[in-house]
Amino acid sequence: MATTGNRGGGRRSKGERRFVGTRVDVKSADQLVRAAKGRGVTVSEFVEATIKKELASMDPSDFAHPGQEELPIGRMVS
């Protein structure tokens, strides 16, 4: 009978994820691997932390769609 589930093996889930892939020049890729190893994390963990740091420093209006105005939801009278 086949078993299902993790049964304690492998890594714990980090929650729902999406794949984000990109190509970088060889020098940057090599630096990325060294930086991740130097911090004792995987390349994926290092890239995720770097992305989160950059996104946290941005103004939320940077994520707005150009040409799309804000709906007046907060200004509506019921």
PDB file of N, CA and C in Angstrom:
ATOM      1  N   MET A   1       0.841  -1.179   0.000  1.00  0.00           N
ATOM      2  CA  MET A   1       0.000   0.000   0.000  1.00  0.00           C
ATOM      3  C   MET A   1       0.887   1.243   0.000  1.00  0.00           C
ATOM      4  N   ALA A   2       0.615   2.163  -0.883  1.00  0.00           N
ATOM      5  CA  ALA A   2       1.416   3.379  -0.986  1.00  0.00           C
ATOM      6  C   ALA A   2       1.082   4.333   0.152  1.00  0.00           C
ATOM      7  N   THR A   3       2.104   5.030   0.613  1.00  0.00           N
ATOM      8  CA  THR A   3       1.884   6.019   1.664  1.00  0.00           C
ATOM      9  C   THR A   3       1.821   7.399   1.044  1.00  0.00           C
ATOM     10  N   THR A   4       1.151   8.297   1.725  1.00  0.00           N
ATOM     11  CA  THR A   4       1.062   9.669   1.245  1.00  0.00           C
ATOM     12  C   THR A   4       1.550  10.605   2.326  1.00  0.00           C
ATOM     13  N   GLY A   5       1.843  11.808   1.938  1.00  0.00           N
ATOM     14  CA  GLY A   5       2.278  12.807   2.912  1.00  0.00           C
ATOM     15  C   GLY A   5       3.787  12.842   3.054  1.00  0.00           C
ATOM     16  N   ASN A   6       4.264  13.759   3.848  1.00  0.00           N
ATOM     17  CA  ASN A   6       5.689  13.991   4.012  1.00  0.00           C
ATOM     18  C   ASN A   6       6.315  13.042   5.027  1.00  0.00           C
ATOM     19  N   ARG A   7       5.594  12.693   6.074  1.00  0.00           N
ATOM     20  CA  ARG A   7       6.085  11.809   7.125  1.00  0.00           C
ATOM     21  C   ARG A   7       7.380  12.317   7.758  1.00  0.00           C
ATOM     22  N   GLY A   8       7.567  13.621   7.794  1.00  0.00           N
ATOM     23  CA  GLY A   8       8.717  14.199   8.483  1.00  0.00           C
ATOM     24  C   GLY A   8       9.979  14.320   7.647  1.00  0.00           C
ATOM     25  N   GLY A   9       9.973  13.863   6.425  1.00  0.00           N
ATOM     26  CA  GLY A   9      11.156  13.969   5.577  1.00  0.00           C
ATOM     27  C   GLY A   9      11.133  15.244   4.757  1.00  0.00           C
ATOM     28  N   GLY A  10      12.270  15.701   4.358  1.00  0.00           N
ATOM     29  CA  GLY A  10      12.351  16.884   3.509  1.00  0.00           C
ATOM     30  C   GLY A  10      12.167  18.186   4.263  1.00  0.00           C
ATOM     31  N   ARG A  11      12.116  19.259   3.503  1.00  0.00           N
ATOM     32  CA  ARG A  11      11.975  20.593   4.100  1.00  0.00           C
ATOM     33  C   ARG A  11      10.526  20.910   4.404  1.00  0.00           C
ATOM     34  N   ARG A  12      10.339  21.791   5.378  1.00  0.00           N
ATOM     35  CA  ARG A  12       8.993  22.268   5.699  1.00  0.00           C
ATOM     36  C   ARG A  12       8.503  23.182   4.584  1.00  0.00           C
ATOM     37  N   SER A  13       7.207  23.196   4.397  1.00  0.00           N
ATOM     38  CA  SER A  13       6.608  24.049   3.380  1.00  0.00           C
ATOM     39  C   SER A  13       6.810  25.519   3.735  1.00  0.00           C
ATOM     40  N   LYS A  14       7.070  26.321   2.720  1.00  0.00           N
ATOM     41  CA  LYS A  14       7.187  27.768   2.910  1.00  0.00           C
ATOM     42  C   LYS A  14       5.911  28.463   2.460  1.00  0.00           C
ATOM     43  N   GLY A  15       4.868  27.692   2.253  1.00  0.00           N
ATOM     44  CA  GLY A  15       3.605  28.269   1.809  1.00  0.00           C
ATOM     45  C   GLY A  15       3.503  28.277   0.299  1.00  0.00           C
ATOM     46  N   GLU A  16       2.426  28.859  -0.170  1.00  0.00           N
ATOM     47  CA  GLU A  16       2.181  28.911  -1.604  1.00  0.00           C
ATOM     48  C   GLU A  16       3.255  29.746  -2.286  1.00  0.00           C
ATOM     49  N   ARG A  17       3.756  29.265  -3.388  1.00  0.00           N
ATOM     50  CA  ARG A  17       4.834  29.939  -4.116  1.00  0.00           C
ATOM     51  C   ARG A  17       4.508  30.004  -5.596  1.00  0.00           C
ATOM     52  N   ARG A  18       5.142  30.938  -6.285  1.00  0.00           N
ATOM     53  CA  ARG A  18       5.101  31.030  -7.743  1.00  0.00           C
ATOM     54  C   ARG A  18       6.529  31.027  -8.241  1.00  0.00           C
ATOM     55  N   PHE A  19       6.732  30.407  -9.391  1.00  0.00           N
ATOM     56  CA  PHE A  19       8.057  30.391  -9.999  1.00  0.00           C
ATOM     57  C   PHE A  19       8.297  31.710 -10.718  1.00  0.00           C
ATOM     58  N   VAL A  20       9.442  32.310 -10.467  1.00  0.00           N
ATOM     59  CA  VAL A  20       9.874  33.518 -11.165  1.00  0.00           C
ATOM     60  C   VAL A  20      11.280  33.229 -11.670  1.00  0.00           C
ATOM     61  N   GLY A  21      11.445  33.161 -12.963  1.00  0.00           N
ATOM     62  CA  GLY A  21      12.753  32.836 -13.524  1.00  0.00           C
ATOM     63  C   GLY A  21      13.285  33.972 -14.377  1.00  0.00           C
ATOM     64  N   THR A  22      14.595  34.073 -14.435  1.00  0.00           N
ATOM     65  CA  THR A  22      15.221  35.097 -15.263  1.00  0.00           C
ATOM     66  C   THR A  22      16.629  34.653 -15.635  1.00  0.00           C
ATOM     67  N   ARG A  23      17.172  35.263 -16.617  1.00  0.00           N
ATOM     68  CA  ARG A  23      18.558  34.990 -17.006  1.00  0.00           C
ATOM     69  C   ARG A  23      19.397  36.206 -16.631  1.00  0.00           C
ATOM     70  N   VAL A  24      20.557  35.937 -16.078  1.00  0.00           N
ATOM     71  CA  VAL A  24      21.485  37.014 -15.729  1.00  0.00           C
ATOM     72  C   VAL A  24      22.842  36.686 -16.330  1.00  0.00           C
ATOM     73  N   ASP A  25      23.673  37.700 -16.451  1.00  0.00           N
ATOM     74  CA  ASP A  25      24.996  37.457 -17.010  1.00  0.00           C
ATOM     75  C   ASP A  25      25.798  36.535 -16.082  1.00  0.00           C
ATOM     76  N   VAL A  26      26.794  35.873 -16.639  1.00  0.00           N
ATOM     77  CA  VAL A  26      27.568  34.860 -15.920  1.00  0.00           C
ATOM     78  C   VAL A  26      28.226  35.430 -14.673  1.00  0.00           C
ATOM     79  N   LYS A  27      28.803  36.617 -14.766  1.00  0.00           N
ATOM     80  CA  LYS A  27      29.476  37.218 -13.611  1.00  0.00           C
ATOM     81  C   LYS A  27      28.489  37.439 -12.460  1.00  0.00           C
ATOM     82  N   SER A  28      27.316  37.982 -12.772  1.00  0.00           N
ATOM     83  CA  SER A  28      26.306  38.220 -11.737  1.00  0.00           C
ATOM     84  C   SER A  28      25.815  36.911 -11.136  1.00  0.00           C
ATOM     85  N   ALA A  29      25.637  35.892 -11.966  1.00  0.00           N
ATOM     86  CA  ALA A  29      25.187  34.586 -11.468  1.00  0.00           C
ATOM     87  C   ALA A  29      26.214  33.995 -10.511  1.00  0.00           C
ATOM     88  N   ASP A  30      27.488  34.109 -10.853  1.00  0.00           N
ATOM     89  CA  ASP A  30      28.548  33.597  -9.977  1.00  0.00           C
ATOM     90  C   ASP A  30      28.578  34.361  -8.655  1.00  0.00           C
ATOM     91  N   GLN A  31      28.414  35.684  -8.720  1.00  0.00           N
ATOM     92  CA  GLN A  31      28.372  36.496  -7.498  1.00  0.00           C
ATOM     93  C   GLN A  31      27.162  36.127  -6.650  1.00  0.00           C
ATOM     94  N   LEU A  32      26.056  35.859  -7.287  1.00  0.00           N
ATOM     95  CA  LEU A  32      24.830  35.472  -6.597  1.00  0.00           C
ATOM     96  C   LEU A  32      25.033  34.175  -5.817  1.00  0.00           C
ATOM     97  N   VAL A  33      25.652  33.199  -6.441  1.00  0.00           N
ATOM     98  CA  VAL A  33      25.917  31.918  -5.776  1.00  0.00           C
ATOM     99  C   VAL A  33      26.838  32.124  -4.579  1.00  0.00           C
ATOM    100  N   ARG A  34      27.896  32.914  -4.759  1.00  0.00           N
ATOM    101  CA  ARG A  34      28.833  33.167  -3.646  1.00  0.00           C
ATOM    102  C   ARG A  34      28.149  33.918  -2.511  1.00  0.00           C
ATOM    103  N   ALA A  35      27.317  34.895  -2.841  1.00  0.00           N
ATOM    104  CA  ALA A  35      26.618  35.671  -1.809  1.00  0.00           C
ATOM    105  C   ALA A  35      25.669  34.782  -1.015  1.00  0.00           C
ATOM    106  N   ALA A  36      24.946  33.918  -1.695  1.00  0.00           N
ATOM    107  CA  ALA A  36      24.018  33.011  -1.012  1.00  0.00           C
ATOM    108  C   ALA A  36      24.782  32.052  -0.107  1.00  0.00           C
ATOM    109  N   LYS A  37      25.854  31.467  -0.619  1.00  0.00           N
ATOM    110  CA  LYS A  37      26.664  30.551   0.193  1.00  0.00           C
ATOM    111  C   LYS A  37      27.239  31.269   1.400  1.00  0.00           C
ATOM    112  N   GLY A  38      27.686  32.502   1.211  1.00  0.00           N
ATOM    113  CA  GLY A  38      28.253  33.283   2.306  1.00  0.00           C
ATOM    114  C   GLY A  38      27.259  33.558   3.420  1.00  0.00           C
ATOM    115  N   ARG A  39      25.996  33.574   3.082  1.00  0.00           N
ATOM    116  CA  ARG A  39      24.945  33.801   4.085  1.00  0.00           C
ATOM    117  C   ARG A  39      24.308  32.498   4.561  1.00  0.00           C
ATOM    118  N   GLY A  40      24.758  31.391   3.987  1.00  0.00           N
ATOM    119  CA  GLY A  40      24.242  30.096   4.410  1.00  0.00           C
ATOM    120  C   GLY A  40      22.814  29.820   3.982  1.00  0.00           C
ATOM    121  N   VAL A  41      22.426  30.391   2.842  1.00  0.00           N
ATOM    122  CA  VAL A  41      21.076  30.182   2.321  1.00  0.00           C
ATOM    123  C   VAL A  41      21.170  29.692   0.882  1.00  0.00           C
ATOM    124  N   THR A  42      20.041  29.231   0.357  1.00  0.00           N
ATOM    125  CA  THR A  42      20.011  28.828  -1.045  1.00  0.00           C
ATOM    126  C   THR A  42      19.947  30.073  -1.930  1.00  0.00           C
ATOM    127  N   VAL A  43      20.252  29.886  -3.199  1.00  0.00           N
ATOM    128  CA  VAL A  43      20.148  31.000  -4.146  1.00  0.00           C
ATOM    129  C   VAL A  43      18.708  31.511  -4.181  1.00  0.00           C
ATOM    130  N   SER A  44      17.744  30.609  -4.165  1.00  0.00           N
ATOM    131  CA  SER A  44      16.333  31.019  -4.181  1.00  0.00           C
ATOM    132  C   SER A  44      15.985  31.863  -2.962  1.00  0.00           C
ATOM    133  N   GLU A  45      16.459  31.448  -1.791  1.00  0.00           N
ATOM    134  CA  GLU A  45      16.188  32.213  -0.566  1.00  0.00           C
ATOM    135  C   GLU A  45      16.843  33.591  -0.629  1.00  0.00           C
ATOM    136  N   PHE A  46      18.059  33.651  -1.157  1.00  0.00           N
ATOM    137  CA  PHE A  46      18.760  34.931  -1.279  1.00  0.00           C
ATOM    138  C   PHE A  46      18.032  35.856  -2.250  1.00  0.00           C
ATOM    139  N   VAL A  47      17.626  35.309  -3.391  1.00  0.00           N
ATOM    140  CA  VAL A  47      16.911  36.117  -4.387  1.00  0.00           C
ATOM    141  C   VAL A  47      15.588  36.609  -3.817  1.00  0.00           C
ATOM    142  N   GLU A  48      14.858  35.735  -3.120  1.00  0.00           N
ATOM    143  CA  GLU A  48      13.583  36.140  -2.526  1.00  0.00           C
ATOM    144  C   GLU A  48      13.783  37.274  -1.522  1.00  0.00           C
ATOM    145  N   ALA A  49      14.790  37.153  -0.658  1.00  0.00           N
ATOM    146  CA  ALA A  49      15.054  38.196   0.339  1.00  0.00           C
ATOM    147  C   ALA A  49      15.420  39.517  -0.335  1.00  0.00           C
ATOM    148  N   THR A  50      16.200  39.442  -1.401  1.00  0.00           N
ATOM    149  CA  THR A  50      16.610  40.642  -2.128  1.00  0.00           C
ATOM    150  C   THR A  50      15.406  41.310  -2.793  1.00  0.00           C
ATOM    151  N   ILE A  51      14.540  40.512  -3.386  1.00  0.00           N
ATOM    152  CA  ILE A  51      13.328  41.050  -4.018  1.00  0.00           C
ATOM    153  C   ILE A  51      12.428  41.700  -2.977  1.00  0.00           C
ATOM    154  N   LYS A  52      12.221  41.014  -1.848  1.00  0.00           N
ATOM    155  CA  LYS A  52      11.373  41.569  -0.787  1.00  0.00           C
ATOM    156  C   LYS A  52      11.918  42.903  -0.284  1.00  0.00           C
ATOM    157  N   LYS A  53      13.229  42.992  -0.111  1.00  0.00           N
ATOM    158  CA  LYS A  53      13.854  44.229   0.372  1.00  0.00           C
ATOM    159  C   LYS A  53      13.625  45.365  -0.629  1.00  0.00           C
ATOM    160  N   GLU A  54      13.810  45.083  -1.895  1.00  0.00           N
ATOM    161  CA  GLU A  54      13.620  46.103  -2.931  1.00  0.00           C
ATOM    162  C   GLU A  54      12.161  46.537  -3.010  1.00  0.00           C
ATOM    163  N   LEU A  55      11.238  45.581  -2.990  1.00  0.00           N
ATOM    164  CA  LEU A  55       9.816  45.918  -3.065  1.00  0.00           C
ATOM    165  C   LEU A  55       9.363  46.725  -1.852  1.00  0.00           C
ATOM    166  N   ALA A  56       9.896  46.403  -0.679  1.00  0.00           N
ATOM    167  CA  ALA A  56       9.522  47.123   0.544  1.00  0.00           C
ATOM    168  C   ALA A  56       9.978  48.575   0.498  1.00  0.00           C
ATOM    169  N   SER A  57      11.031  48.856  -0.261  1.00  0.00           N
ATOM    170  CA  SER A  57      11.553  50.222  -0.325  1.00  0.00           C
ATOM    171  C   SER A  57      10.831  51.077  -1.369  1.00  0.00           C
ATOM    172  N   MET A  58       9.966  50.462  -2.157  1.00  0.00           N
ATOM    173  CA  MET A  58       9.271  51.186  -3.221  1.00  0.00           C
ATOM    174  C   MET A  58       7.981  51.813  -2.720  1.00  0.00           C
ATOM    175  N   ASP A  59       7.569  52.879  -3.382  1.00  0.00           N
ATOM    176  CA  ASP A  59       6.297  53.536  -3.096  1.00  0.00           C
ATOM    177  C   ASP A  59       5.180  52.690  -3.710  1.00  0.00           C
ATOM    178  N   PRO A  60       4.091  52.433  -2.979  1.00  0.00           N
ATOM    179  CA  PRO A  60       2.996  51.623  -3.532  1.00  0.00           C
ATOM    180  C   PRO A  60       2.440  52.153  -4.848  1.00  0.00           C
ATOM    181  N   SER A  61       2.551  53.450  -5.084  1.00  0.00           N
ATOM    182  CA  SER A  61       2.050  54.000  -6.347  1.00  0.00           C
ATOM    183  C   SER A  61       2.888  53.524  -7.534  1.00  0.00           C
ATOM    184  N   ASP A  62       4.098  53.012  -7.264  1.00  0.00           N
ATOM    185  CA  ASP A  62       4.924  52.464  -8.340  1.00  0.00           C
ATOM    186  C   ASP A  62       4.279  51.224  -8.957  1.00  0.00           C
ATOM    187  N   PHE A  63       3.342  50.611  -8.235  1.00  0.00           N
ATOM    188  CA  PHE A  63       2.704  49.392  -8.708  1.00  0.00           C
ATOM    189  C   PHE A  63       1.395  49.667  -9.433  1.00  0.00           C
ATOM    190  N   ALA A  64       0.976  50.920  -9.500  1.00  0.00           N
ATOM    191  CA  ALA A  64      -0.288  51.279 -10.149  1.00  0.00           C
ATOM    192  C   ALA A  64      -0.175  51.049 -11.652  1.00  0.00           C
ATOM    193  N   HIS A  65      -1.300  50.770 -12.267  1.00  0.00           N
ATOM    194  CA  HIS A  65      -1.329  50.591 -13.712  1.00  0.00           C
ATOM    195  C   HIS A  65      -1.401  51.965 -14.370  1.00  0.00           C
ATOM    196  N   PRO A  66      -0.509  52.267 -15.303  1.00  0.00           N
ATOM    197  CA  PRO A  66      -0.530  53.579 -15.952  1.00  0.00           C
ATOM    198  C   PRO A  66      -1.842  53.799 -16.700  1.00  0.00           C
ATOM    199  N   GLY A  67      -2.382  54.990 -16.579  1.00  0.00           N
ATOM    200  CA  GLY A  67      -3.616  55.334 -17.264  1.00  0.00           C
ATOM    201  C   GLY A  67      -4.873  54.854 -16.564  1.00  0.00           C
ATOM    202  N   GLN A  68      -4.726  54.209 -15.429  1.00  0.00           N
ATOM    203  CA  GLN A  68      -5.896  53.721 -14.694  1.00  0.00           C
ATOM    204  C   GLN A  68      -6.072  54.584 -13.457  1.00  0.00           C
ATOM    205  N   GLU A  69      -7.219  55.260 -13.364  1.00  0.00           N
ATOM    206  CA  GLU A  69      -7.443  56.134 -12.218  1.00  0.00           C
ATOM    207  C   GLU A  69      -8.042  55.363 -11.051  1.00  0.00           C
ATOM    208  N   GLU A  70      -7.845  55.890  -9.867  1.00  0.00           N
ATOM    209  CA  GLU A  70      -8.362  55.266  -8.651  1.00  0.00           C
ATOM    210  C   GLU A  70      -9.871  55.452  -8.572  1.00  0.00           C
ATOM    211  N   LEU A  71     -10.567  54.389  -8.172  1.00  0.00           N
ATOM    212  CA  LEU A  71     -12.016  54.487  -8.001  1.00  0.00           C
ATOM    213  C   LEU A  71     -12.335  55.252  -6.720  1.00  0.00           C
ATOM    214  N   PRO A  72     -13.406  56.057  -6.707  1.00  0.00           N
ATOM    215  CA  PRO A  72     -13.736  56.881  -5.537  1.00  0.00           C
ATOM    216  C   PRO A  72     -14.494  56.100  -4.458  1.00  0.00           C
ATOM    217  N   ILE A  73     -14.081  54.904  -4.160  1.00  0.00           N
ATOM    218  CA  ILE A  73     -14.807  54.051  -3.217  1.00  0.00           C
ATOM    219  C   ILE A  73     -14.911  54.696  -1.841  1.00  0.00           C
ATOM    220  N   GLY A  74     -13.848  55.270  -1.339  1.00  0.00           N
ATOM    221  CA  GLY A  74     -13.863  55.884  -0.012  1.00  0.00           C
ATOM    222  C   GLY A  74     -14.675  57.162   0.044  1.00  0.00           C
ATOM    223  N   ARG A  75     -14.972  57.753  -1.103  1.00  0.00           N
ATOM    224  CA  ARG A  75     -15.692  59.027  -1.138  1.00  0.00           C
ATOM    225  C   ARG A  75     -17.169  58.854  -1.452  1.00  0.00           C
ATOM    226  N   MET A  76     -17.621  57.633  -1.624  1.00  0.00           N
ATOM    227  CA  MET A  76     -19.030  57.388  -1.962  1.00  0.00           C
ATOM    228  C   MET A  76     -19.910  57.578  -0.736  1.00  0.00           C
ATOM    229  N   VAL A  77     -21.075  58.139  -0.961  1.00  0.00           N
ATOM    230  CA  VAL A  77     -22.042  58.349   0.116  1.00  0.00           C
ATOM    231  C   VAL A  77     -23.103  57.269  -0.006  1.00  0.00           C
ATOM    232  N   SER A  78     -23.432  56.626   1.128  1.00  0.00           N
ATOM    233  CA  SER A  78     -24.446  55.568   1.059  1.00  0.00           C
ATOM    234  C   SER A  78     -25.809  56.051   1.456  1.00  0.00           C
TER     235      SER A  78
END
